[in-house]
């Protein structure tokens, strides 16, 4: 039985969280590197995160099931899907069981009774984990991708998914 829930908001501005026994043991932005066209996900660092967690923990993962959005450009849709594929590939390569969970499903569980906005996600995580820091680096505002990553795992833990 897994003792750590790994939860992933797979976008380039997403995040990864690890939850053990009701405590967040890891919360960080998805690792990126600069490229000629801005930032892209750093698959080597993504792999190191998973290897590090897997070394000491039995993992089960929940990843947000993403798709292209209306009016989203072809290049950005492709880049988004590529990042999603990186995470799925790493989980499969490490033999970590994972469940894809749609934004609608995790928000219904983890944000019940709210307007399900980015602000509601941040507020819910602060209520559940008051000591958590969701302001990486020099950020002044909390990072909604970090809040989403935490809540994806919380929703996954609340549900038995087929």
N, C-alpha and C. Protein backbone atom coordinates (compact mmCIF):
# COMPACT_ATOMS: atom_id res chain seq x y z
N UNK A 1 0.85 -1.18 0.00
CA UNK A 1 0.00 0.00 0.00
C UNK A 1 0.89 1.24 0.00
N UNK A 2 0.62 2.20 -0.90
CA UNK A 2 1.47 3.39 -0.98
C UNK A 2 1.42 4.21 0.31
N UNK A 3 2.57 4.74 0.69
CA UNK A 3 2.57 5.59 1.88
C UNK A 3 2.73 7.06 1.51
N UNK A 4 2.94 7.35 0.23
CA UNK A 4 3.04 8.74 -0.23
C UNK A 4 2.20 8.92 -1.48
N UNK A 5 1.41 9.97 -1.46
CA UNK A 5 0.65 10.37 -2.63
C UNK A 5 1.44 11.45 -3.35
N UNK A 6 1.74 11.18 -4.59
CA UNK A 6 2.42 12.13 -5.46
C UNK A 6 1.35 12.75 -6.34
N UNK A 7 1.29 14.06 -6.38
CA UNK A 7 0.26 14.69 -7.21
C UNK A 7 0.90 15.74 -8.09
N UNK A 8 0.42 15.77 -9.33
CA UNK A 8 1.09 16.56 -10.36
C UNK A 8 0.11 17.43 -11.12
N UNK A 9 0.42 18.73 -11.14
CA UNK A 9 -0.20 19.67 -12.07
C UNK A 9 0.81 19.77 -13.20
N UNK A 10 0.55 19.14 -14.37
CA UNK A 10 1.60 18.88 -15.34
C UNK A 10 2.05 20.04 -16.23
N UNK A 11 1.45 21.17 -16.13
CA UNK A 11 1.84 22.27 -17.01
C UNK A 11 3.22 22.82 -16.73
N UNK A 12 3.73 23.59 -17.67
CA UNK A 12 5.04 24.23 -17.52
C UNK A 12 5.05 25.17 -16.31
N UNK A 13 3.91 25.71 -15.97
CA UNK A 13 3.81 26.54 -14.76
C UNK A 13 3.11 25.78 -13.65
N UNK A 14 3.13 24.45 -13.76
CA UNK A 14 2.51 23.60 -12.77
C UNK A 14 3.45 23.30 -11.61
N UNK A 15 3.11 22.26 -10.86
CA UNK A 15 3.89 21.92 -9.68
C UNK A 15 3.70 20.45 -9.36
N UNK A 16 4.49 20.00 -8.39
CA UNK A 16 4.42 18.63 -7.92
C UNK A 16 4.37 18.67 -6.39
N UNK A 17 3.53 17.81 -5.83
CA UNK A 17 3.39 17.74 -4.38
C UNK A 17 3.49 16.28 -3.95
N UNK A 18 4.00 16.06 -2.76
CA UNK A 18 4.02 14.72 -2.17
C UNK A 18 3.41 14.84 -0.78
N UNK A 19 2.43 13.99 -0.51
CA UNK A 19 1.69 14.05 0.75
C UNK A 19 1.84 12.71 1.46
N UNK A 20 2.24 12.77 2.72
CA UNK A 20 2.43 11.56 3.53
C UNK A 20 1.78 11.77 4.88
N UNK A 21 0.84 10.91 5.22
CA UNK A 21 0.21 10.99 6.53
C UNK A 21 -0.43 12.34 6.82
N UNK A 22 -1.04 12.95 5.81
CA UNK A 22 -1.70 14.24 6.01
C UNK A 22 -0.76 15.42 6.07
N UNK A 23 0.52 15.20 5.76
CA UNK A 23 1.50 16.30 5.75
C UNK A 23 2.14 16.40 4.37
N UNK A 24 2.42 17.62 3.97
CA UNK A 24 3.09 17.82 2.69
C UNK A 24 4.59 17.69 2.94
N UNK A 25 5.20 16.70 2.26
CA UNK A 25 6.64 16.49 2.43
C UNK A 25 7.43 17.08 1.26
N UNK A 26 6.75 17.43 0.19
CA UNK A 26 7.41 18.07 -0.95
C UNK A 26 6.38 18.91 -1.68
N UNK A 27 6.76 20.12 -1.98
CA UNK A 27 5.93 20.99 -2.81
C UNK A 27 6.88 21.90 -3.57
N UNK A 28 6.91 21.71 -4.87
CA UNK A 28 7.79 22.56 -5.67
C UNK A 28 7.23 22.76 -7.06
N UNK A 29 7.68 23.83 -7.68
CA UNK A 29 7.28 24.09 -9.06
C UNK A 29 7.85 23.02 -9.97
N UNK A 30 7.16 22.78 -11.07
CA UNK A 30 7.71 21.87 -12.06
C UNK A 30 9.05 22.45 -12.52
N UNK A 31 10.10 21.63 -12.55
CA UNK A 31 11.41 22.17 -12.94
C UNK A 31 11.45 22.56 -14.40
N UNK A 32 12.01 23.72 -14.67
CA UNK A 32 12.12 24.20 -16.05
C UNK A 32 13.55 24.65 -16.34
N UNK A 33 13.87 24.72 -17.61
CA UNK A 33 15.13 25.28 -18.07
C UNK A 33 14.82 26.28 -19.17
N UNK A 34 15.71 27.22 -19.32
CA UNK A 34 15.53 28.21 -20.39
C UNK A 34 15.93 27.59 -21.71
N UNK A 35 15.14 27.91 -22.71
CA UNK A 35 15.47 27.47 -24.07
C UNK A 35 15.43 28.71 -24.96
N UNK A 36 15.70 28.53 -26.21
CA UNK A 36 15.68 29.65 -27.14
C UNK A 36 14.32 30.31 -27.25
N UNK A 37 13.28 29.61 -26.83
CA UNK A 37 11.90 30.11 -26.95
C UNK A 37 11.22 30.19 -25.60
N UNK A 38 11.95 30.60 -24.56
CA UNK A 38 11.36 30.70 -23.24
C UNK A 38 11.75 29.51 -22.38
N UNK A 39 10.84 29.11 -21.53
CA UNK A 39 11.12 27.99 -20.63
C UNK A 39 10.47 26.71 -21.14
N UNK A 40 11.12 25.60 -20.80
CA UNK A 40 10.52 24.30 -21.09
C UNK A 40 10.78 23.40 -19.88
N UNK A 41 9.96 22.38 -19.74
CA UNK A 41 10.13 21.46 -18.63
C UNK A 41 11.47 20.74 -18.72
N UNK A 42 12.10 20.55 -17.58
CA UNK A 42 13.40 19.90 -17.50
C UNK A 42 13.17 18.44 -17.08
N UNK A 43 13.14 17.55 -18.06
CA UNK A 43 12.83 16.15 -17.80
C UNK A 43 13.87 15.49 -16.90
N UNK A 44 15.12 15.92 -16.98
CA UNK A 44 16.17 15.35 -16.12
C UNK A 44 15.88 15.66 -14.66
N UNK A 45 15.52 16.90 -14.37
CA UNK A 45 15.18 17.27 -12.99
C UNK A 45 13.88 16.62 -12.53
N UNK A 46 12.93 16.50 -13.45
CA UNK A 46 11.67 15.82 -13.12
C UNK A 46 11.97 14.39 -12.68
N UNK A 47 12.85 13.72 -13.42
CA UNK A 47 13.24 12.35 -13.10
C UNK A 47 13.94 12.28 -11.74
N UNK A 48 14.81 13.25 -11.44
CA UNK A 48 15.51 13.26 -10.16
C UNK A 48 14.53 13.40 -8.99
N UNK A 49 13.50 14.21 -9.16
CA UNK A 49 12.49 14.37 -8.10
C UNK A 49 11.82 13.02 -7.82
N UNK A 50 11.41 12.34 -8.89
CA UNK A 50 10.73 11.06 -8.72
C UNK A 50 11.69 10.02 -8.12
N UNK A 51 12.92 9.96 -8.62
CA UNK A 51 13.90 9.01 -8.07
C UNK A 51 14.13 9.25 -6.58
N UNK A 52 14.24 10.49 -6.20
CA UNK A 52 14.48 10.83 -4.80
C UNK A 52 13.32 10.38 -3.91
N UNK A 53 12.11 10.63 -4.34
CA UNK A 53 10.95 10.23 -3.56
C UNK A 53 10.80 8.70 -3.53
N UNK A 54 11.03 8.07 -4.67
CA UNK A 54 10.85 6.63 -4.76
C UNK A 54 11.87 5.87 -3.92
N UNK A 55 13.02 6.46 -3.71
CA UNK A 55 14.08 5.81 -2.95
C UNK A 55 13.62 5.49 -1.52
N UNK A 56 12.84 6.38 -0.92
CA UNK A 56 12.45 6.21 0.48
C UNK A 56 10.96 5.97 0.71
N UNK A 57 10.17 5.96 -0.36
CA UNK A 57 8.72 5.87 -0.19
C UNK A 57 8.09 4.97 -1.24
N UNK A 58 6.96 4.40 -0.87
CA UNK A 58 6.11 3.68 -1.81
C UNK A 58 5.11 4.71 -2.34
N UNK A 59 5.07 4.91 -3.64
CA UNK A 59 4.30 6.01 -4.22
C UNK A 59 3.08 5.55 -5.00
N UNK A 60 2.08 6.40 -4.98
CA UNK A 60 0.94 6.33 -5.90
C UNK A 60 0.74 7.76 -6.38
N UNK A 61 0.49 7.92 -7.66
CA UNK A 61 0.41 9.28 -8.21
C UNK A 61 -0.97 9.58 -8.77
N UNK A 62 -1.31 10.85 -8.67
CA UNK A 62 -2.49 11.42 -9.33
C UNK A 62 -1.98 12.55 -10.20
N UNK A 63 -2.39 12.55 -11.44
CA UNK A 63 -1.96 13.60 -12.37
C UNK A 63 -3.20 14.18 -13.03
N UNK A 64 -3.19 15.50 -13.14
CA UNK A 64 -4.33 16.16 -13.78
C UNK A 64 -4.38 15.77 -15.25
N UNK A 65 -5.52 15.26 -15.66
CA UNK A 65 -5.74 14.85 -17.05
C UNK A 65 -6.05 16.10 -17.86
N UNK A 66 -5.13 16.46 -18.71
CA UNK A 66 -5.23 17.73 -19.43
C UNK A 66 -5.56 17.50 -20.90
N UNK A 67 -6.02 18.55 -21.52
CA UNK A 67 -6.32 18.54 -22.95
C UNK A 67 -6.19 19.96 -23.46
N UNK A 68 -6.21 20.13 -24.75
CA UNK A 68 -6.10 21.48 -25.31
C UNK A 68 -7.37 22.27 -24.99
N UNK A 69 -7.21 23.56 -24.96
CA UNK A 69 -8.32 24.46 -24.64
C UNK A 69 -8.74 25.22 -25.89
N UNK A 70 -10.02 25.60 -25.99
CA UNK A 70 -10.46 26.41 -27.12
C UNK A 70 -9.63 27.70 -27.19
N UNK A 71 -9.30 28.10 -28.39
CA UNK A 71 -8.55 29.32 -28.67
C UNK A 71 -7.09 29.26 -28.21
N UNK A 72 -6.65 28.07 -27.77
CA UNK A 72 -5.24 27.90 -27.42
C UNK A 72 -4.50 27.58 -28.71
N UNK A 73 -3.36 28.20 -28.91
CA UNK A 73 -2.60 27.98 -30.14
C UNK A 73 -2.09 26.56 -30.26
N UNK A 74 -1.77 26.18 -31.50
CA UNK A 74 -1.28 24.84 -31.77
C UNK A 74 0.04 24.59 -31.04
N UNK A 75 0.96 25.54 -31.10
CA UNK A 75 2.27 25.36 -30.46
C UNK A 75 2.13 25.23 -28.94
N UNK A 76 1.30 26.06 -28.33
CA UNK A 76 1.15 25.97 -26.88
C UNK A 76 0.43 24.69 -26.48
N UNK A 77 -0.54 24.24 -27.28
CA UNK A 77 -1.22 22.97 -27.00
C UNK A 77 -0.23 21.81 -27.08
N UNK A 78 0.63 21.86 -28.08
CA UNK A 78 1.62 20.79 -28.25
C UNK A 78 2.61 20.79 -27.08
N UNK A 79 3.08 21.95 -26.69
CA UNK A 79 4.02 22.05 -25.57
C UNK A 79 3.37 21.54 -24.28
N UNK A 80 2.12 21.91 -24.07
CA UNK A 80 1.39 21.48 -22.88
C UNK A 80 1.26 19.96 -22.85
N UNK A 81 0.87 19.39 -23.99
CA UNK A 81 0.73 17.94 -24.09
C UNK A 81 2.05 17.22 -23.93
N UNK A 82 3.12 17.83 -24.40
CA UNK A 82 4.44 17.22 -24.27
C UNK A 82 4.83 17.10 -22.80
N UNK A 83 4.59 18.15 -22.02
CA UNK A 83 4.89 18.10 -20.59
C UNK A 83 4.08 17.03 -19.88
N UNK A 84 2.82 16.94 -20.22
CA UNK A 84 1.93 15.91 -19.67
C UNK A 84 2.50 14.52 -19.99
N UNK A 85 2.94 14.36 -21.23
CA UNK A 85 3.53 13.09 -21.66
C UNK A 85 4.82 12.77 -20.92
N UNK A 86 5.63 13.79 -20.65
CA UNK A 86 6.86 13.57 -19.87
C UNK A 86 6.53 12.96 -18.52
N UNK A 87 5.56 13.57 -17.82
CA UNK A 87 5.21 13.08 -16.49
C UNK A 87 4.67 11.66 -16.55
N UNK A 88 3.78 11.38 -17.50
CA UNK A 88 3.20 10.04 -17.65
C UNK A 88 4.32 9.04 -17.94
N UNK A 89 5.23 9.40 -18.83
CA UNK A 89 6.34 8.51 -19.17
C UNK A 89 7.24 8.22 -17.99
N UNK A 90 7.53 9.24 -17.19
CA UNK A 90 8.37 9.03 -16.00
C UNK A 90 7.69 8.14 -14.98
N UNK A 91 6.41 8.37 -14.76
CA UNK A 91 5.67 7.53 -13.81
C UNK A 91 5.67 6.07 -14.28
N UNK A 92 5.42 5.87 -15.56
CA UNK A 92 5.40 4.51 -16.11
C UNK A 92 6.79 3.88 -16.03
N UNK A 93 7.83 4.64 -16.37
CA UNK A 93 9.19 4.10 -16.34
C UNK A 93 9.60 3.69 -14.93
N UNK A 94 9.13 4.41 -13.93
CA UNK A 94 9.45 4.10 -12.54
C UNK A 94 8.45 3.11 -11.91
N UNK A 95 7.52 2.63 -12.73
CA UNK A 95 6.50 1.68 -12.28
C UNK A 95 5.70 2.21 -11.09
N UNK A 96 5.38 3.49 -11.16
CA UNK A 96 4.56 4.13 -10.13
C UNK A 96 3.12 4.11 -10.62
N UNK A 97 2.24 3.45 -9.88
CA UNK A 97 0.83 3.45 -10.33
C UNK A 97 0.28 4.87 -10.28
N UNK A 98 -0.47 5.22 -11.32
CA UNK A 98 -1.02 6.58 -11.36
C UNK A 98 -2.44 6.56 -11.90
N UNK A 99 -3.15 7.59 -11.52
CA UNK A 99 -4.52 7.78 -11.98
C UNK A 99 -4.62 9.19 -12.54
N UNK A 100 -5.19 9.29 -13.72
CA UNK A 100 -5.44 10.59 -14.32
C UNK A 100 -6.78 11.09 -13.78
N UNK A 101 -6.79 12.33 -13.37
CA UNK A 101 -8.00 12.91 -12.77
C UNK A 101 -8.28 14.25 -13.45
N UNK A 102 -9.49 14.39 -13.95
CA UNK A 102 -9.83 15.62 -14.68
C UNK A 102 -9.92 16.80 -13.71
N UNK A 103 -9.72 18.01 -14.23
CA UNK A 103 -9.88 19.19 -13.38
C UNK A 103 -11.27 19.25 -12.74
N UNK A 104 -12.29 18.87 -13.50
CA UNK A 104 -13.65 18.92 -12.97
C UNK A 104 -13.80 17.96 -11.79
N UNK A 105 -13.21 16.78 -11.89
CA UNK A 105 -13.35 15.77 -10.83
C UNK A 105 -12.62 16.19 -9.56
N UNK A 106 -11.36 16.64 -9.69
CA UNK A 106 -10.65 17.00 -8.46
C UNK A 106 -11.20 18.26 -7.83
N UNK A 107 -11.66 19.19 -8.64
CA UNK A 107 -12.24 20.42 -8.07
C UNK A 107 -13.57 20.13 -7.37
N UNK A 108 -14.35 19.21 -7.93
CA UNK A 108 -15.61 18.84 -7.29
C UNK A 108 -15.37 18.29 -5.88
N UNK A 109 -14.34 17.48 -5.72
CA UNK A 109 -14.02 16.89 -4.41
C UNK A 109 -13.31 17.90 -3.49
N UNK A 110 -12.21 18.44 -3.96
CA UNK A 110 -11.33 19.24 -3.09
C UNK A 110 -11.81 20.67 -2.88
N UNK A 111 -12.65 21.16 -3.79
CA UNK A 111 -13.12 22.54 -3.68
C UNK A 111 -14.64 22.62 -3.50
N UNK A 112 -15.23 21.57 -2.97
CA UNK A 112 -16.67 21.56 -2.73
C UNK A 112 -17.06 22.77 -1.87
N UNK A 113 -18.13 23.43 -2.25
CA UNK A 113 -18.62 24.58 -1.49
C UNK A 113 -17.94 25.89 -1.83
N UNK A 114 -17.09 25.87 -2.86
CA UNK A 114 -16.42 27.11 -3.28
C UNK A 114 -16.79 27.41 -4.74
N UNK A 115 -16.26 28.53 -5.25
CA UNK A 115 -16.49 28.85 -6.66
C UNK A 115 -15.50 28.14 -7.59
N UNK A 116 -14.62 27.32 -7.02
CA UNK A 116 -13.66 26.49 -7.75
C UNK A 116 -12.64 27.31 -8.55
N UNK A 117 -12.40 28.53 -8.14
CA UNK A 117 -11.44 29.40 -8.82
C UNK A 117 -10.02 29.16 -8.30
N UNK A 118 -9.05 29.82 -8.94
CA UNK A 118 -7.66 29.74 -8.49
C UNK A 118 -7.53 30.27 -7.06
N UNK A 119 -8.22 31.35 -6.78
CA UNK A 119 -8.20 31.92 -5.43
C UNK A 119 -8.78 30.97 -4.40
N UNK A 120 -9.84 30.26 -4.78
CA UNK A 120 -10.45 29.28 -3.86
C UNK A 120 -9.48 28.14 -3.58
N UNK A 121 -8.73 27.72 -4.61
CA UNK A 121 -7.75 26.64 -4.43
C UNK A 121 -6.66 27.07 -3.46
N UNK A 122 -6.15 28.27 -3.63
CA UNK A 122 -5.11 28.77 -2.73
C UNK A 122 -5.63 28.86 -1.30
N UNK A 123 -6.81 29.40 -1.14
CA UNK A 123 -7.41 29.55 0.19
C UNK A 123 -7.62 28.18 0.85
N UNK A 124 -8.11 27.20 0.10
CA UNK A 124 -8.36 25.87 0.65
C UNK A 124 -7.05 25.24 1.15
N UNK A 125 -5.99 25.37 0.36
CA UNK A 125 -4.70 24.79 0.77
C UNK A 125 -4.18 25.50 2.02
N UNK A 126 -4.34 26.81 2.09
CA UNK A 126 -3.90 27.56 3.28
C UNK A 126 -4.70 27.14 4.51
N UNK A 127 -5.98 26.83 4.33
CA UNK A 127 -6.81 26.38 5.45
C UNK A 127 -6.35 25.00 5.93
N UNK A 128 -6.04 24.12 5.00
CA UNK A 128 -5.65 22.76 5.34
C UNK A 128 -4.22 22.67 5.87
N UNK A 129 -3.34 23.50 5.31
CA UNK A 129 -1.92 23.47 5.66
C UNK A 129 -1.45 24.91 5.91
N UNK A 130 -1.77 25.48 7.07
CA UNK A 130 -1.50 26.90 7.31
C UNK A 130 -0.02 27.29 7.24
N UNK A 131 0.88 26.35 7.43
CA UNK A 131 2.30 26.69 7.43
C UNK A 131 2.95 26.57 6.05
N UNK A 132 2.19 26.19 5.07
CA UNK A 132 2.77 25.94 3.75
C UNK A 132 3.15 27.24 3.05
N UNK A 133 4.26 27.21 2.34
CA UNK A 133 4.72 28.37 1.57
C UNK A 133 4.47 28.10 0.09
N UNK A 134 3.59 28.89 -0.50
CA UNK A 134 3.29 28.75 -1.93
C UNK A 134 3.80 29.96 -2.71
N UNK A 135 4.87 30.58 -2.19
CA UNK A 135 5.48 31.73 -2.85
C UNK A 135 6.94 31.40 -3.18
N UNK A 136 7.15 30.59 -4.20
CA UNK A 136 8.53 30.20 -4.52
C UNK A 136 9.35 31.37 -5.04
N UNK A 137 10.63 31.32 -4.75
CA UNK A 137 11.52 32.36 -5.25
C UNK A 137 11.16 33.73 -4.71
N UNK A 138 11.05 34.67 -5.61
CA UNK A 138 10.75 36.06 -5.24
C UNK A 138 9.29 36.43 -5.41
N UNK A 139 8.46 35.44 -5.59
CA UNK A 139 7.03 35.72 -5.81
C UNK A 139 6.44 36.44 -4.62
N UNK A 140 5.52 37.35 -4.92
CA UNK A 140 4.78 38.07 -3.89
C UNK A 140 3.44 37.37 -3.64
N UNK A 141 2.88 36.82 -4.70
CA UNK A 141 1.58 36.13 -4.61
C UNK A 141 1.79 34.61 -4.54
N UNK A 142 0.81 33.94 -3.93
CA UNK A 142 0.84 32.49 -3.89
C UNK A 142 0.70 31.92 -5.30
N UNK A 143 1.34 30.80 -5.55
CA UNK A 143 1.34 30.17 -6.86
C UNK A 143 0.18 29.19 -6.96
N UNK A 144 -0.75 29.44 -7.87
CA UNK A 144 -1.94 28.59 -7.97
C UNK A 144 -1.62 27.19 -8.47
N UNK A 145 -0.55 27.00 -9.23
CA UNK A 145 -0.16 25.66 -9.66
C UNK A 145 0.25 24.79 -8.47
N UNK A 146 0.86 25.41 -7.48
CA UNK A 146 1.22 24.67 -6.27
C UNK A 146 -0.04 24.25 -5.51
N UNK A 147 -0.98 25.16 -5.41
CA UNK A 147 -2.25 24.83 -4.74
C UNK A 147 -2.96 23.71 -5.49
N UNK A 148 -2.99 23.80 -6.81
CA UNK A 148 -3.64 22.76 -7.61
C UNK A 148 -2.98 21.40 -7.38
N UNK A 149 -1.65 21.37 -7.37
CA UNK A 149 -0.93 20.11 -7.17
C UNK A 149 -1.33 19.47 -5.84
N UNK A 150 -1.40 20.26 -4.79
CA UNK A 150 -1.79 19.72 -3.48
C UNK A 150 -3.22 19.17 -3.54
N UNK A 151 -4.13 19.94 -4.12
CA UNK A 151 -5.54 19.54 -4.13
C UNK A 151 -5.82 18.35 -5.05
N UNK A 152 -5.03 18.18 -6.09
CA UNK A 152 -5.17 16.99 -6.94
C UNK A 152 -4.91 15.75 -6.09
N UNK A 153 -3.87 15.79 -5.27
CA UNK A 153 -3.58 14.66 -4.38
C UNK A 153 -4.62 14.46 -3.30
N UNK A 154 -5.11 15.55 -2.75
CA UNK A 154 -6.15 15.47 -1.72
C UNK A 154 -7.42 14.84 -2.29
N UNK A 155 -7.81 15.29 -3.47
CA UNK A 155 -9.00 14.73 -4.13
C UNK A 155 -8.80 13.26 -4.44
N UNK A 156 -7.61 12.91 -4.92
CA UNK A 156 -7.31 11.51 -5.22
C UNK A 156 -7.43 10.65 -3.97
N UNK A 157 -6.93 11.14 -2.86
CA UNK A 157 -6.98 10.37 -1.61
C UNK A 157 -8.41 10.23 -1.11
N UNK A 158 -9.29 11.16 -1.48
CA UNK A 158 -10.68 11.14 -1.01
C UNK A 158 -11.55 10.17 -1.79
N UNK A 159 -11.09 9.71 -2.93
CA UNK A 159 -11.93 8.96 -3.85
C UNK A 159 -11.32 7.61 -4.19
N UNK A 160 -12.15 6.66 -4.44
CA UNK A 160 -11.70 5.40 -5.02
C UNK A 160 -11.99 5.51 -6.51
N UNK A 161 -10.93 5.52 -7.30
CA UNK A 161 -11.08 5.71 -8.74
C UNK A 161 -10.99 4.37 -9.43
N UNK A 162 -11.88 4.18 -10.38
CA UNK A 162 -11.88 2.93 -11.16
C UNK A 162 -10.92 3.04 -12.31
